[in-house]
Amino acid sequence: MSEFKPTFSNVEKDIERYLEQFGVRDTLSNGTPVIRGFDKAQRTILDQYFQQQAYDALVAYLLTFNWELGNGEFLLELSDALVRKKDVRRLKRLWHGVIAKQKIHFWQYQASPVVSDTVSEAKARAKARILGTLKTVRELMLQLGEAQEAQKLNDDRTRIEKEEKGKALPKPIDRSMDESCFWDIIEKTKANSSSSAKQIELLIAELELFKATEIGKFQKLLQQKTAELYHWDIWAVAYLAQGGCSDDAFEAFPPWIILQGQAVFQLALKDVTKLSAHVPAGAETQADGLLFAPAIAYENRAGKPMRPARAKAPKIHGKYWEESELQSRYPELYRRYS
């Protein structure tokens, strides 16, 4: 096997290059071509990144994972490496992203208007998961002498244990939630976050500063803007960028576009080819947690759940496409992502 040289700057791209060089090409029963060997490629590339101590790229890669569902092998391996290096900055960035995803996941179930055994069981699992993570990270911070960070994590853990949503919030600001205010919040939180999950957490905190009625207005604006992005052209970007995009997966793509700010949102409505410059390949372009953020903030401010919206499911606009048509319909997008 010839030598493979990673870039040590982009884990995902290096995995793709490794698969192209050493993966086993196969064809599914429906005729779809595939390249097998992803697990081996991922492990090989990650091992090389660890040997090179390319920790920034490793953190960036792992923050794209769905840690809402648990803390896996790669996360713990990188965490151990950063602890050994006493690399508090990267360790915080890594775990802040994980904690943000798990917090949002728990509060989504807590804010759900649906009452059923299934929801209750899912909420209990999400609660146990975030409590365990907060305990683990608190111990790491104490081990590294970060007492203030450890106390913050402990406060978070206590609040989640008690399922206290009504935090001691300051008097709400006297500002109306209009278009300008909506985008101000998006831009401010984007500038101060390193991942979509962290941005959503900051956004919830920003919304909590408003009156409950204004948070409700944010919810309506969010629904309107999400509906505007339900277009077959935008779905094509998601499909090609993510290597496939189901109905459920596409629901998480418009919120991610909104989190990128007003300029990217407007670009999505005008020119999807130019939009693609802002949409990296991979599954990190999903942010369905944004859809729940106003309900979480509303309950924290008002002390009662937001009345569930009776909005219809967004209608998809534009011209329908089949997967086989993507290359001819969107040649520039196809070249970019393939």
Protein backbone atom coordinates (compact mmCIF):
# COMPACT_ATOMS: atom_id res chain seq x y z
CA MET A 1 0.00 0.00 0.00
CA SER A 2 1.47 3.35 -1.00
CA GLU A 3 2.04 5.99 1.63
CA PHE A 4 -0.82 8.36 2.40
CA LYS A 5 0.00 11.90 3.54
CA PRO A 6 -2.76 13.73 5.42
CA THR A 7 -3.06 17.50 5.26
CA PHE A 8 -3.48 17.63 9.07
CA SER A 9 -5.93 20.50 8.57
CA ASN A 10 -9.23 18.85 7.65
CA VAL A 11 -10.02 15.39 9.02
CA GLU A 12 -13.13 14.88 6.89
CA LYS A 13 -11.39 15.75 3.62
CA ASP A 14 -8.45 13.48 4.47
CA ILE A 15 -10.84 10.59 5.18
CA GLU A 16 -12.46 11.19 1.79
CA ARG A 17 -9.06 11.22 0.07
CA TYR A 18 -8.02 8.03 1.86
CA LEU A 19 -11.21 6.29 0.77
CA GLU A 20 -10.68 7.37 -2.82
CA GLN A 21 -7.20 5.85 -2.72
CA PHE A 22 -7.73 2.70 -0.63
CA GLY A 23 -11.49 2.15 -0.32
CA VAL A 24 -13.20 -0.85 -1.88
CA ARG A 25 -15.62 0.12 -4.62
CA ASP A 26 -18.91 -1.74 -4.65
CA THR A 27 -22.44 -1.42 -6.00
CA LEU A 28 -25.64 -1.70 -3.96
CA SER A 29 -28.54 -3.87 -5.10
CA ASN A 30 -30.29 -0.77 -6.46
CA GLY A 31 -27.28 0.07 -8.63
CA THR A 32 -25.89 2.86 -6.42
CA PRO A 33 -22.06 2.92 -6.40
CA VAL A 34 -20.43 3.02 -2.94
CA ILE A 35 -16.94 2.96 -1.47
CA ARG A 36 -16.56 0.63 1.50
CA GLY A 37 -14.01 0.93 4.29
CA PHE A 38 -15.05 4.14 6.07
CA ASP A 39 -14.41 2.83 9.61
CA LYS A 40 -10.85 1.79 8.73
CA ALA A 41 -10.24 5.08 6.91
CA GLN A 42 -11.53 7.12 9.85
CA ARG A 43 -9.44 5.20 12.38
CA THR A 44 -6.31 5.45 10.22
CA ILE A 45 -6.64 9.19 9.67
CA LEU A 46 -7.48 9.92 13.31
CA ASP A 47 -4.44 7.92 14.45
CA GLN A 48 -2.21 10.01 12.19
CA TYR A 49 -3.77 13.24 13.45
CA PHE A 50 -3.22 12.15 17.06
CA GLN A 51 0.41 11.29 16.31
CA GLN A 52 0.87 14.72 14.74
CA GLN A 53 -0.98 16.35 17.67
CA ALA A 54 -3.20 18.19 15.18
CA TYR A 55 -5.66 18.95 17.95
CA ASP A 56 -7.41 21.99 16.43
CA ALA A 57 -8.49 19.95 13.43
CA LEU A 58 -9.52 17.03 15.65
CA VAL A 59 -11.66 19.28 17.84
CA ALA A 60 -13.29 20.84 14.78
CA TYR A 61 -14.06 17.40 13.34
CA LEU A 62 -15.50 15.92 16.52
CA LEU A 63 -17.72 18.94 17.13
CA THR A 64 -19.68 17.90 14.03
CA PHE A 65 -20.75 14.63 15.71
CA ASN A 66 -24.20 14.05 17.26
CA TRP A 67 -23.06 13.95 20.88
CA GLU A 68 -26.72 14.35 21.92
CA LEU A 69 -26.80 10.55 21.76
CA GLY A 70 -23.79 9.85 24.00
CA ASN A 71 -20.06 10.35 24.50
CA GLY A 72 -18.18 7.98 22.21
CA GLU A 73 -14.70 6.52 21.88
CA PHE A 74 -13.16 9.30 19.79
CA LEU A 75 -14.43 12.06 22.10
CA LEU A 76 -12.96 10.42 25.19
CA GLU A 77 -9.70 9.63 23.38
CA LEU A 78 -9.21 13.27 22.37
CA SER A 79 -10.25 14.48 25.81
CA ASP A 80 -7.64 12.24 27.47
CA ALA A 81 -4.96 13.53 25.09
CA LEU A 82 -5.81 17.16 25.86
CA VAL A 83 -5.82 16.50 29.60
CA ARG A 84 -2.34 14.93 29.36
CA LYS A 85 -1.16 18.05 27.51
CA LYS A 86 -2.96 20.28 30.05
CA ASP A 87 -4.53 21.96 27.02
CA VAL A 88 -7.40 23.66 28.84
CA ARG A 89 -8.35 25.95 25.95
CA ARG A 90 -9.01 23.16 23.46
CA LEU A 91 -10.53 20.94 26.14
CA LYS A 92 -13.07 23.64 27.00
CA ARG A 93 -13.91 24.23 23.36
CA LEU A 94 -14.45 20.51 22.80
CA TRP A 95 -16.64 19.92 25.85
CA HIS A 96 -18.57 23.20 25.57
CA GLY A 97 -19.80 22.03 22.18
CA VAL A 98 -20.74 18.59 23.52
CA ILE A 99 -22.50 20.02 26.58
CA ALA A 100 -24.40 22.54 24.46
CA LYS A 101 -25.76 19.78 22.22
CA GLN A 102 -26.77 17.60 25.16
CA LYS A 103 -28.38 20.50 27.05
CA ILE A 104 -30.45 21.51 24.04
CA HIS A 105 -31.47 17.87 23.52
CA PHE A 106 -32.71 17.62 27.12
CA TRP A 107 -34.57 20.94 27.15
CA GLN A 108 -36.27 20.05 23.87
CA TYR A 109 -37.94 17.11 25.60
CA GLN A 110 -38.64 19.22 28.67
CA ALA A 111 -40.38 21.85 26.52
CA SER A 112 -42.31 19.31 24.45
CA PRO A 113 -46.11 19.72 24.68
CA VAL A 114 -46.49 15.99 23.95
CA VAL A 115 -47.16 13.81 27.00
CA SER A 116 -46.40 10.12 26.47
CA ASP A 117 -44.33 7.30 27.91
CA THR A 118 -42.01 7.50 24.90
CA VAL A 119 -41.28 11.21 25.44
CA SER A 120 -40.83 10.68 29.20
CA GLU A 121 -38.36 7.86 28.65
CA ALA A 122 -36.42 9.87 26.06
CA LYS A 123 -36.32 12.85 28.43
CA ALA A 124 -35.01 10.66 31.26
CA ARG A 125 -32.23 9.31 29.04
CA ALA A 126 -31.30 12.81 27.86
CA LYS A 127 -31.26 14.05 31.45
CA ALA A 128 -29.04 11.20 32.65
CA ARG A 129 -26.69 11.81 29.70
CA ILE A 130 -26.15 15.52 30.32
CA LEU A 131 -25.84 15.03 34.09
CA GLY A 132 -23.16 12.40 33.52
CA THR A 133 -21.29 14.62 31.07
CA LEU A 134 -21.38 17.64 33.40
CA LYS A 135 -20.02 15.49 36.25
CA THR A 136 -17.22 14.11 34.07
CA VAL A 137 -16.15 17.52 32.75
CA ARG A 138 -16.38 19.10 36.21
CA GLU A 139 -13.91 16.50 37.49
CA LEU A 140 -11.59 17.22 34.57
CA MET A 141 -11.68 20.95 35.28
CA LEU A 142 -10.90 20.38 38.97
CA GLN A 143 -8.03 18.11 37.96
CA LEU A 144 -6.61 20.94 35.82
CA GLY A 145 -7.10 23.61 38.51
CA GLU A 146 -10.05 25.32 36.77
CA ALA A 147 -12.13 25.88 39.92
CA GLN A 148 -14.35 28.62 38.45
CA GLU A 149 -15.25 26.52 35.43
CA ALA A 150 -15.91 23.53 37.69
CA GLN A 151 -18.32 25.59 39.79
CA LYS A 152 -20.22 26.73 36.72
CA LEU A 153 -20.58 23.13 35.60
CA ASN A 154 -21.77 22.16 39.05
CA ASP A 155 -24.39 24.94 38.99
CA ASP A 156 -25.59 23.70 35.60
CA ARG A 157 -25.83 20.17 36.95
CA THR A 158 -27.87 21.27 39.97
CA ARG A 159 -30.29 23.21 37.78
CA ILE A 160 -30.80 20.28 35.42
CA GLU A 161 -31.19 17.81 38.29
CA LYS A 162 -34.04 19.96 39.63
CA GLU A 163 -35.30 20.68 36.09
CA GLU A 164 -35.37 24.35 37.00
CA LYS A 165 -36.11 26.42 33.95
CA GLY A 166 -37.12 29.65 35.65
CA LYS A 167 -33.67 31.08 36.26
CA ALA A 168 -33.23 34.32 38.16
CA LEU A 169 -33.43 36.49 35.08
CA PRO A 170 -32.93 40.26 35.05
CA LYS A 171 -35.73 42.63 34.18
CA PRO A 172 -36.52 42.19 30.48
CA ILE A 173 -35.14 44.76 28.09
CA ASP A 174 -37.55 47.15 26.41
CA ARG A 175 -36.95 46.29 22.77
CA SER A 176 -39.40 45.04 20.19
CA MET A 177 -38.60 41.92 18.23
CA ASP A 178 -38.59 42.97 14.60
CA GLU A 179 -36.56 41.92 11.56
CA SER A 180 -33.56 44.01 12.58
CA CYS A 181 -33.59 42.68 16.13
CA PHE A 182 -33.92 39.09 14.89
CA TRP A 183 -30.77 39.33 12.78
CA ASP A 184 -28.88 41.26 15.47
CA ILE A 185 -29.34 38.27 17.78
CA ILE A 186 -28.26 35.82 15.11
CA GLU A 187 -25.13 37.81 14.22
CA LYS A 188 -24.14 38.44 17.83
CA THR A 189 -24.39 34.78 18.82
CA LYS A 190 -22.60 33.64 15.67
CA ALA A 191 -19.66 35.94 16.41
CA ASN A 192 -19.26 34.45 19.89
CA SER A 193 -19.60 30.73 19.19
CA SER A 194 -17.51 27.97 17.65
CA SER A 195 -20.33 25.57 16.77
CA SER A 196 -24.03 25.61 15.94
CA ALA A 197 -24.87 23.99 19.28
CA LYS A 198 -22.97 26.66 21.21
CA GLN A 199 -24.60 29.38 19.11
CA ILE A 200 -28.06 28.03 19.93
CA GLU A 201 -27.19 27.98 23.64
CA LEU A 202 -26.06 31.63 23.45
CA LEU A 203 -29.16 32.49 21.44
CA ILE A 204 -31.41 31.06 24.15
CA ALA A 205 -29.61 33.24 26.70
CA GLU A 206 -30.10 36.30 24.47
CA LEU A 207 -33.81 35.59 24.01
CA GLU A 208 -34.25 35.23 27.76
CA LEU A 209 -33.46 38.94 28.08
CA PHE A 210 -36.67 39.83 26.20
CA LYS A 211 -40.28 39.90 27.31
CA ALA A 212 -42.14 36.65 26.72
CA THR A 213 -44.32 38.29 24.05
CA GLU A 214 -41.21 39.37 22.12
CA ILE A 215 -39.79 35.85 22.32
CA GLY A 216 -43.05 34.71 20.75
CA LYS A 217 -42.46 37.17 17.90
CA PHE A 218 -38.99 35.72 17.37
CA GLN A 219 -40.62 32.31 17.04
CA LYS A 220 -42.96 33.60 14.31
CA LEU A 221 -40.11 35.26 12.41
CA LEU A 222 -38.11 32.05 12.64
CA GLN A 223 -41.00 30.02 11.23
CA GLN A 224 -41.44 32.49 8.37
CA LYS A 225 -37.77 32.44 7.42
CA THR A 226 -37.58 28.66 7.68
CA ALA A 227 -40.56 28.38 5.32
CA GLU A 228 -38.85 30.71 2.81
CA LEU A 229 -35.90 28.29 2.65
CA TYR A 230 -38.06 25.29 1.77
CA HIS A 231 -37.05 25.20 -1.87
CA TRP A 232 -35.92 22.35 -4.12
CA ASP A 233 -32.79 24.30 -5.10
CA ILE A 234 -31.75 24.64 -1.44
CA TRP A 235 -32.55 20.98 -0.84
CA ALA A 236 -30.18 20.17 -3.71
CA VAL A 237 -27.35 21.98 -1.91
CA ALA A 238 -28.07 20.02 1.27
CA TYR A 239 -28.30 16.75 -0.64
CA LEU A 240 -25.01 17.19 -2.43
CA ALA A 241 -23.16 18.65 0.57
CA GLN A 242 -24.28 15.89 2.91
CA GLY A 243 -24.05 13.04 0.42
CA GLY A 244 -27.80 12.51 0.63
CA CYS A 245 -30.52 14.33 2.54
CA SER A 246 -33.84 12.80 3.61
CA ASP A 247 -37.00 14.75 4.44
CA ASP A 248 -36.10 14.66 8.15
CA ALA A 249 -32.50 15.70 7.52
CA PHE A 250 -33.59 18.62 5.34
CA GLU A 251 -35.73 20.00 8.19
CA ALA A 252 -32.47 20.71 10.03
CA PHE A 253 -30.80 22.49 7.09
CA PRO A 254 -32.82 25.77 6.86
CA PRO A 255 -32.21 26.49 10.59
CA TRP A 256 -28.48 26.02 9.98
CA ILE A 257 -28.60 28.53 7.10
CA ILE A 258 -30.39 31.04 9.34
CA LEU A 259 -27.68 30.66 11.99
CA GLN A 260 -25.07 31.74 9.40
CA GLY A 261 -26.58 35.24 9.33
CA GLN A 262 -28.64 37.51 7.13
CA ALA A 263 -26.18 37.67 4.23
CA VAL A 264 -26.04 33.88 3.82
CA PHE A 265 -29.82 33.66 4.25
CA GLN A 266 -30.36 36.18 1.43
CA LEU A 267 -27.82 34.36 -0.73
CA ALA A 268 -29.74 31.12 -0.26
CA LEU A 269 -32.87 32.78 -1.64
CA LYS A 270 -31.07 34.31 -4.62
CA ASP A 271 -28.25 32.03 -5.80
CA VAL A 272 -27.66 28.52 -4.48
CA THR A 273 -24.41 28.20 -6.44
CA LYS A 274 -22.93 31.12 -4.49
CA LEU A 275 -24.55 29.76 -1.32
CA SER A 276 -22.50 26.58 -1.67
CA ALA A 277 -19.34 28.55 -0.87
CA HIS A 278 -20.73 28.85 2.68
CA VAL A 279 -21.91 25.24 3.01
CA PRO A 280 -19.14 22.74 3.82
CA ALA A 281 -19.47 19.10 2.91
CA GLY A 282 -20.63 16.83 5.71
CA ALA A 283 -23.48 16.48 8.19
CA GLU A 284 -22.53 19.42 10.39
CA THR A 285 -24.88 21.63 8.36
CA GLN A 286 -27.81 20.71 10.59
CA ALA A 287 -29.25 22.79 13.41
CA ASP A 288 -32.77 21.68 14.20
CA GLY A 289 -32.14 22.73 17.81
CA LEU A 290 -32.75 26.33 16.69
CA LEU A 291 -36.40 25.48 16.13
CA PHE A 292 -36.80 24.72 19.84
CA ALA A 293 -34.77 27.65 21.17
CA PRO A 294 -37.64 30.19 21.43
CA ALA A 295 -39.81 27.71 23.38
CA ILE A 296 -36.99 27.06 25.84
CA ALA A 297 -36.29 30.79 26.33
CA TYR A 298 -40.01 31.57 26.63
CA GLU A 299 -40.47 29.03 29.42
CA ASN A 300 -37.39 30.33 31.24
CA ARG A 301 -38.80 33.88 31.06
CA ALA A 302 -42.53 33.24 31.56
CA GLY A 303 -42.35 30.24 33.87
CA LYS A 304 -44.84 28.37 31.68
CA PRO A 305 -44.61 26.60 28.34
CA MET A 306 -45.09 28.51 25.12
CA ARG A 307 -48.36 27.62 23.46
CA PRO A 308 -47.45 25.26 20.63
CA ALA A 309 -47.77 26.88 17.23
CA ARG A 310 -50.42 25.46 14.92
CA ALA A 311 -48.41 26.29 11.85
CA LYS A 312 -48.72 24.04 8.82
CA ALA A 313 -45.66 22.17 7.64
CA PRO A 314 -43.71 24.40 5.22
CA LYS A 315 -44.57 23.89 1.57
CA ILE A 316 -41.63 23.04 -0.65
CA HIS A 317 -41.25 25.51 -3.56
CA GLY A 318 -39.49 25.30 -6.89
CA LYS A 319 -39.04 22.52 -9.39
CA TYR A 320 -38.85 18.92 -8.16
CA TRP A 321 -35.74 16.91 -9.01
CA GLU A 322 -34.71 13.27 -8.97
CA GLU A 323 -31.29 12.27 -7.68
CA SER A 324 -30.29 11.20 -11.19
CA GLU A 325 -30.95 14.76 -12.43
CA LEU A 326 -28.70 16.58 -9.95
CA GLN A 327 -25.57 16.56 -12.11
CA SER A 328 -27.36 18.04 -15.13
CA ARG A 329 -29.57 20.44 -13.17
CA TYR A 330 -26.83 21.75 -10.87
CA PRO A 331 -23.48 21.13 -12.62
CA GLU A 332 -21.49 23.66 -10.56
CA LEU A 333 -22.86 22.34 -7.28
CA TYR A 334 -22.23 18.78 -8.38
CA ARG A 335 -18.60 19.53 -9.24
CA ARG A 336 -18.06 21.36 -5.97
CA TYR A 337 -19.24 18.51 -3.78
CA SER A 338 -17.95 15.59 -5.82
